[in-house]
Amino acid sequence: MRIATLRHIFRFGPLIWAAGFLTPLLSQTFQALDVPMPIGMPPLLAGFAIAMTLGICAQIRGRWI
């Protein structure tokens, strides 16, 4: 049962990694570089959108590169 649960969770590994690591990294990078956000969007939302786009691409293709 535990192995099946872990397999199910790790199937979505790229999305989890994008949400948990890339989102805060991109958000802090935008804030540190003082990047202007479109239409007053918060840096966290912009980081989440970019990270999820990359995560979905990695999920579909099965690899990051």
PDB file of N, CA and C in Angstrom:
ATOM      1  N   MET A   1       0.821  -1.195   0.000  1.00  0.00           N
ATOM      2  CA  MET A   1       0.000   0.000   0.000  1.00  0.00           C
ATOM      3  C   MET A   1       0.867   1.262   0.000  1.00  0.00           C
ATOM      4  N   ARG A   2       1.911   1.272   0.840  1.00  0.00           N
ATOM      5  CA  ARG A   2       2.769   2.451   0.899  1.00  0.00           C
ATOM      6  C   ARG A   2       3.521   2.663  -0.406  1.00  0.00           C
ATOM      7  N   ILE A   3       3.955   1.568  -1.013  1.00  0.00           N
ATOM      8  CA  ILE A   3       4.699   1.677  -2.264  1.00  0.00           C
ATOM      9  C   ILE A   3       3.790   2.214  -3.368  1.00  0.00           C
ATOM     10  N   ALA A   4       2.567   1.759  -3.399  1.00  0.00           N
ATOM     11  CA  ALA A   4       1.618   2.256  -4.405  1.00  0.00           C
ATOM     12  C   ALA A   4       1.339   3.744  -4.203  1.00  0.00           C
ATOM     13  N   THR A   5       1.237   4.166  -2.954  1.00  0.00           N
ATOM     14  CA  THR A   5       1.012   5.578  -2.662  1.00  0.00           C
ATOM     15  C   THR A   5       2.203   6.411  -3.099  1.00  0.00           C
ATOM     16  N   LEU A   6       3.410   5.949  -2.805  1.00  0.00           N
ATOM     17  CA  LEU A   6       4.609   6.677  -3.219  1.00  0.00           C
ATOM     18  C   LEU A   6       4.732   6.748  -4.736  1.00  0.00           C
ATOM     19  N   ARG A   7       4.408   5.677  -5.410  1.00  0.00           N
ATOM     20  CA  ARG A   7       4.446   5.703  -6.877  1.00  0.00           C
ATOM     21  C   ARG A   7       3.459   6.731  -7.429  1.00  0.00           C
ATOM     22  N   HIS A   8       2.289   6.792  -6.821  1.00  0.00           N
ATOM     23  CA  HIS A   8       1.284   7.752  -7.269  1.00  0.00           C
ATOM     24  C   HIS A   8       1.764   9.181  -7.034  1.00  0.00           C
ATOM     25  N   ILE A   9       2.384   9.435  -5.894  1.00  0.00           N
ATOM     26  CA  ILE A   9       2.889  10.775  -5.582  1.00  0.00           C
ATOM     27  C   ILE A   9       4.047  11.141  -6.499  1.00  0.00           C
ATOM     28  N   PHE A  10       4.995  10.218  -6.694  1.00  0.00           N
ATOM     29  CA  PHE A  10       6.169  10.516  -7.504  1.00  0.00           C
ATOM     30  C   PHE A  10       5.841  10.640  -8.987  1.00  0.00           C
ATOM     31  N   ARG A  11       4.686  10.168  -9.394  1.00  0.00           N
ATOM     32  CA  ARG A  11       4.272  10.356 -10.781  1.00  0.00           C
ATOM     33  C   ARG A  11       4.119  11.845 -11.089  1.00  0.00           C
ATOM     34  N   PHE A  12       3.745  12.621 -10.076  1.00  0.00           N
ATOM     35  CA  PHE A  12       3.586  14.064 -10.228  1.00  0.00           C
ATOM     36  C   PHE A  12       4.795  14.823  -9.692  1.00  0.00           C
ATOM     37  N   GLY A  13       5.946  14.187  -9.671  1.00  0.00           N
ATOM     38  CA  GLY A  13       7.171  14.780  -9.146  1.00  0.00           C
ATOM     39  C   GLY A  13       7.548  16.112  -9.772  1.00  0.00           C
ATOM     40  N   PRO A  14       7.521  16.245 -11.101  1.00  0.00           N
ATOM     41  CA  PRO A  14       7.885  17.535 -11.687  1.00  0.00           C
ATOM     42  C   PRO A  14       6.974  18.681 -11.253  1.00  0.00           C
ATOM     43  N   LEU A  15       5.690  18.407 -11.098  1.00  0.00           N
ATOM     44  CA  LEU A  15       4.774  19.465 -10.665  1.00  0.00           C
ATOM     45  C   LEU A  15       5.001  19.833  -9.207  1.00  0.00           C
ATOM     46  N   ILE A  16       5.248  18.836  -8.373  1.00  0.00           N
ATOM     47  CA  ILE A  16       5.518  19.098  -6.957  1.00  0.00           C
ATOM     48  C   ILE A  16       6.809  19.886  -6.812  1.00  0.00           C
ATOM     49  N   TRP A  17       7.837  19.503  -7.581  1.00  0.00           N
ATOM     50  CA  TRP A  17       9.122  20.196  -7.514  1.00  0.00           C
ATOM     51  C   TRP A  17       8.988  21.629  -8.020  1.00  0.00           C
ATOM     52  N   ALA A  18       8.223  21.820  -9.077  1.00  0.00           N
ATOM     53  CA  ALA A  18       8.029  23.165  -9.614  1.00  0.00           C
ATOM     54  C   ALA A  18       7.303  24.056  -8.606  1.00  0.00           C
ATOM     55  N   ALA A  19       6.278  23.516  -7.966  1.00  0.00           N
ATOM     56  CA  ALA A  19       5.514  24.309  -7.002  1.00  0.00           C
ATOM     57  C   ALA A  19       6.305  24.558  -5.723  1.00  0.00           C
ATOM     58  N   GLY A  20       7.063  23.574  -5.280  1.00  0.00           N
ATOM     59  CA  GLY A  20       7.756  23.698  -4.002  1.00  0.00           C
ATOM     60  C   GLY A  20       9.108  24.366  -4.066  1.00  0.00           C
ATOM     61  N   PHE A  21       9.791  24.290  -5.218  1.00  0.00           N
ATOM     62  CA  PHE A  21      11.138  24.849  -5.308  1.00  0.00           C
ATOM     63  C   PHE A  21      11.225  26.006  -6.296  1.00  0.00           C
ATOM     64  N   LEU A  22      10.717  25.801  -7.495  1.00  0.00           N
ATOM     65  CA  LEU A  22      10.860  26.835  -8.520  1.00  0.00           C
ATOM     66  C   LEU A  22      10.027  28.079  -8.235  1.00  0.00           C
ATOM     67  N   THR A  23       8.831  27.910  -7.697  1.00  0.00           N
ATOM     68  CA  THR A  23       7.971  29.061  -7.434  1.00  0.00           C
ATOM     69  C   THR A  23       8.622  30.061  -6.482  1.00  0.00           C
ATOM     70  N   PRO A  24       9.093  29.645  -5.296  1.00  0.00           N
ATOM     71  CA  PRO A  24       9.733  30.628  -4.423  1.00  0.00           C
ATOM     72  C   PRO A  24      11.046  31.161  -4.994  1.00  0.00           C
ATOM     73  N   LEU A  25      11.780  30.309  -5.710  1.00  0.00           N
ATOM     74  CA  LEU A  25      13.041  30.753  -6.305  1.00  0.00           C
ATOM     75  C   LEU A  25      12.801  31.857  -7.324  1.00  0.00           C
ATOM     76  N   LEU A  26      11.859  31.656  -8.215  1.00  0.00           N
ATOM     77  CA  LEU A  26      11.551  32.677  -9.217  1.00  0.00           C
ATOM     78  C   LEU A  26      10.978  33.935  -8.580  1.00  0.00           C
ATOM     79  N   SER A  27      10.130  33.770  -7.587  1.00  0.00           N
ATOM     80  CA  SER A  27       9.540  34.917  -6.905  1.00  0.00           C
ATOM     81  C   SER A  27      10.608  35.780  -6.238  1.00  0.00           C
ATOM     82  N   GLN A  28      11.525  35.149  -5.536  1.00  0.00           N
ATOM     83  CA  GLN A  28      12.595  35.895  -4.873  1.00  0.00           C
ATOM     84  C   GLN A  28      13.555  36.516  -5.879  1.00  0.00           C
ATOM     85  N   THR A  29      13.767  35.837  -6.995  1.00  0.00           N
ATOM     86  CA  THR A  29      14.619  36.396  -8.044  1.00  0.00           C
ATOM     87  C   THR A  29      13.982  37.641  -8.642  1.00  0.00           C
ATOM     88  N   PHE A  30      12.685  37.589  -8.905  1.00  0.00           N
ATOM     89  CA  PHE A  30      11.988  38.761  -9.431  1.00  0.00           C
ATOM     90  C   PHE A  30      12.069  39.931  -8.458  1.00  0.00           C
ATOM     91  N   GLN A  31      11.918  39.653  -7.166  1.00  0.00           N
ATOM     92  CA  GLN A  31      11.979  40.716  -6.166  1.00  0.00           C
ATOM     93  C   GLN A  31      13.387  41.279  -6.041  1.00  0.00           C
ATOM     94  N   ALA A  32      14.398  40.413  -6.074  1.00  0.00           N
ATOM     95  CA  ALA A  32      15.780  40.869  -5.925  1.00  0.00           C
ATOM     96  C   ALA A  32      16.228  41.707  -7.121  1.00  0.00           C
ATOM     97  N   LEU A  33      15.779  41.336  -8.309  1.00  0.00           N
ATOM     98  CA  LEU A  33      16.168  42.066  -9.514  1.00  0.00           C
ATOM     99  C   LEU A  33      15.224  43.224  -9.826  1.00  0.00           C
ATOM    100  N   ASP A  34      14.202  43.393  -9.005  1.00  0.00           N
ATOM    101  CA  ASP A  34      13.210  44.454  -9.163  1.00  0.00           C
ATOM    102  C   ASP A  34      12.600  44.440 -10.565  1.00  0.00           C
ATOM    103  N   VAL A  35      12.160  43.260 -10.974  1.00  0.00           N
ATOM    104  CA  VAL A  35      11.540  43.079 -12.289  1.00  0.00           C
ATOM    105  C   VAL A  35      10.120  43.637 -12.241  1.00  0.00           C
ATOM    106  N   PRO A  36       9.768  44.517 -13.185  1.00  0.00           N
ATOM    107  CA  PRO A  36       8.388  45.029 -13.191  1.00  0.00           C
ATOM    108  C   PRO A  36       7.407  43.940 -13.625  1.00  0.00           C
ATOM    109  N   MET A  37       6.356  43.781 -12.854  1.00  0.00           N
ATOM    110  CA  MET A  37       5.350  42.755 -13.135  1.00  0.00           C
ATOM    111  C   MET A  37       4.219  43.355 -13.964  1.00  0.00           C
ATOM    112  N   PRO A  38       3.661  42.580 -14.890  1.00  0.00           N
ATOM    113  CA  PRO A  38       2.545  43.095 -15.693  1.00  0.00           C
ATOM    114  C   PRO A  38       1.274  43.242 -14.853  1.00  0.00           C
ATOM    115  N   ILE A  39       0.528  44.266 -15.132  1.00  0.00           N
ATOM    116  CA  ILE A  39      -0.769  44.592 -14.515  1.00  0.00           C
ATOM    117  C   ILE A  39      -0.791  44.435 -12.997  1.00  0.00           C
ATOM    118  N   GLY A  40       0.298  44.790 -12.341  1.00  0.00           N
ATOM    119  CA  GLY A  40       0.337  44.759 -10.885  1.00  0.00           C
ATOM    120  C   GLY A  40       0.321  43.377 -10.274  1.00  0.00           C
ATOM    121  N   MET A  41       0.737  42.383 -11.022  1.00  0.00           N
ATOM    122  CA  MET A  41       0.746  40.997 -10.546  1.00  0.00           C
ATOM    123  C   MET A  41       1.803  40.832  -9.448  1.00  0.00           C
ATOM    124  N   PRO A  42       1.486  40.155  -8.355  1.00  0.00           N
ATOM    125  CA  PRO A  42       2.501  39.914  -7.333  1.00  0.00           C
ATOM    126  C   PRO A  42       3.583  38.957  -7.852  1.00  0.00           C
ATOM    127  N   PRO A  43       4.825  39.121  -7.398  1.00  0.00           N
ATOM    128  CA  PRO A  43       5.909  38.251  -7.869  1.00  0.00           C
ATOM    129  C   PRO A  43       5.655  36.768  -7.599  1.00  0.00           C
ATOM    130  N   LEU A  44       4.965  36.452  -6.506  1.00  0.00           N
ATOM    131  CA  LEU A  44       4.682  35.052  -6.197  1.00  0.00           C
ATOM    132  C   LEU A  44       3.776  34.423  -7.259  1.00  0.00           C
ATOM    133  N   LEU A  45       2.792  35.158  -7.718  1.00  0.00           N
ATOM    134  CA  LEU A  45       1.892  34.648  -8.753  1.00  0.00           C
ATOM    135  C   LEU A  45       2.625  34.483 -10.084  1.00  0.00           C
ATOM    136  N   ALA A  46       3.488  35.429 -10.414  1.00  0.00           N
ATOM    137  CA  ALA A  46       4.267  35.317 -11.651  1.00  0.00           C
ATOM    138  C   ALA A  46       5.218  34.124 -11.573  1.00  0.00           C
ATOM    139  N   GLY A  47       5.867  33.948 -10.419  1.00  0.00           N
ATOM    140  CA  GLY A  47       6.750  32.800 -10.239  1.00  0.00           C
ATOM    141  C   GLY A  47       5.994  31.491 -10.324  1.00  0.00           C
ATOM    142  N   PHE A  48       4.794  31.454  -9.749  1.00  0.00           N
ATOM    143  CA  PHE A  48       3.978  30.239  -9.804  1.00  0.00           C
ATOM    144  C   PHE A  48       3.568  29.918 -11.240  1.00  0.00           C
ATOM    145  N   ALA A  49       3.176  30.925 -11.994  1.00  0.00           N
ATOM    146  CA  ALA A  49       2.743  30.697 -13.380  1.00  0.00           C
ATOM    147  C   ALA A  49       3.890  30.158 -14.228  1.00  0.00           C
ATOM    148  N   ILE A  50       5.064  30.742 -14.083  1.00  0.00           N
ATOM    149  CA  ILE A  50       6.215  30.282 -14.865  1.00  0.00           C
ATOM    150  C   ILE A  50       6.650  28.897 -14.412  1.00  0.00           C
ATOM    151  N   ALA A  51       6.695  28.668 -13.105  1.00  0.00           N
ATOM    152  CA  ALA A  51       7.117  27.367 -12.583  1.00  0.00           C
ATOM    153  C   ALA A  51       6.156  26.261 -13.001  1.00  0.00           C
ATOM    154  N   MET A  52       4.862  26.530 -12.943  1.00  0.00           N
ATOM    155  CA  MET A  52       3.896  25.509 -13.344  1.00  0.00           C
ATOM    156  C   MET A  52       3.950  25.240 -14.843  1.00  0.00           C
ATOM    157  N   THR A  53       4.230  26.266 -15.632  1.00  0.00           N
ATOM    158  CA  THR A  53       4.395  26.050 -17.071  1.00  0.00           C
ATOM    159  C   THR A  53       5.563  25.113 -17.336  1.00  0.00           C
ATOM    160  N   LEU A  54       6.687  25.366 -16.670  1.00  0.00           N
ATOM    161  CA  LEU A  54       7.846  24.487 -16.825  1.00  0.00           C
ATOM    162  C   LEU A  54       7.563  23.093 -16.274  1.00  0.00           C
ATOM    163  N   GLY A  55       6.863  23.016 -15.150  1.00  0.00           N
ATOM    164  CA  GLY A  55       6.537  21.723 -14.555  1.00  0.00           C
ATOM    165  C   GLY A  55       5.606  20.894 -15.419  1.00  0.00           C
ATOM    166  N   ILE A  56       4.619  21.538 -16.032  1.00  0.00           N
ATOM    167  CA  ILE A  56       3.698  20.814 -16.914  1.00  0.00           C
ATOM    168  C   ILE A  56       4.432  20.321 -18.155  1.00  0.00           C
ATOM    169  N   CYS A  57       5.312  21.153 -18.700  1.00  0.00           N
ATOM    170  CA  CYS A  57       6.108  20.710 -19.858  1.00  0.00           C
ATOM    171  C   CYS A  57       6.969  19.508 -19.487  1.00  0.00           C
ATOM    172  N   ALA A  58       7.593  19.547 -18.314  1.00  0.00           N
ATOM    173  CA  ALA A  58       8.419  18.420 -17.871  1.00  0.00           C
ATOM    174  C   ALA A  58       7.562  17.186 -17.603  1.00  0.00           C
ATOM    175  N   GLN A  59       6.369  17.382 -17.080  1.00  0.00           N
ATOM    176  CA  GLN A  59       5.467  16.263 -16.805  1.00  0.00           C
ATOM    177  C   GLN A  59       5.034  15.585 -18.101  1.00  0.00           C
ATOM    178  N   ILE A  60       4.707  16.367 -19.091  1.00  0.00           N
ATOM    179  CA  ILE A  60       4.241  15.809 -20.362  1.00  0.00           C
ATOM    180  C   ILE A  60       5.379  15.121 -21.109  1.00  0.00           C
ATOM    181  N   ARG A  61       6.534  15.789 -21.171  1.00  0.00           N
ATOM    182  CA  ARG A  61       7.662  15.224 -21.910  1.00  0.00           C
ATOM    183  C   ARG A  61       8.368  14.117 -21.154  1.00  0.00           C
ATOM    184  N   GLY A  62       8.273  14.140 -19.838  1.00  0.00           N
ATOM    185  CA  GLY A  62       8.925  13.109 -19.039  1.00  0.00           C
ATOM    186  C   GLY A  62      10.355  13.433 -18.667  1.00  0.00           C
ATOM    187  N   ARG A  63      10.810  14.647 -18.972  1.00  0.00           N
ATOM    188  CA  ARG A  63      12.167  15.068 -18.611  1.00  0.00           C
ATOM    189  C   ARG A  63      12.219  16.591 -18.594  1.00  0.00           C
ATOM    190  N   TRP A  64      13.226  17.128 -17.904  1.00  0.00           N
ATOM    191  CA  TRP A  64      13.362  18.570 -17.769  1.00  0.00           C
ATOM    192  C   TRP A  64      14.094  19.195 -18.950  1.00  0.00           C
ATOM    193  N   ILE A  65      15.011  18.468 -19.523  1.00  0.00           N
ATOM    194  CA  ILE A  65      15.840  19.057 -20.591  1.00  0.00           C
ATOM    195  C   ILE A  65      15.354  18.575 -21.940  1.00  0.00           C
TER     196      ILE A  65
END
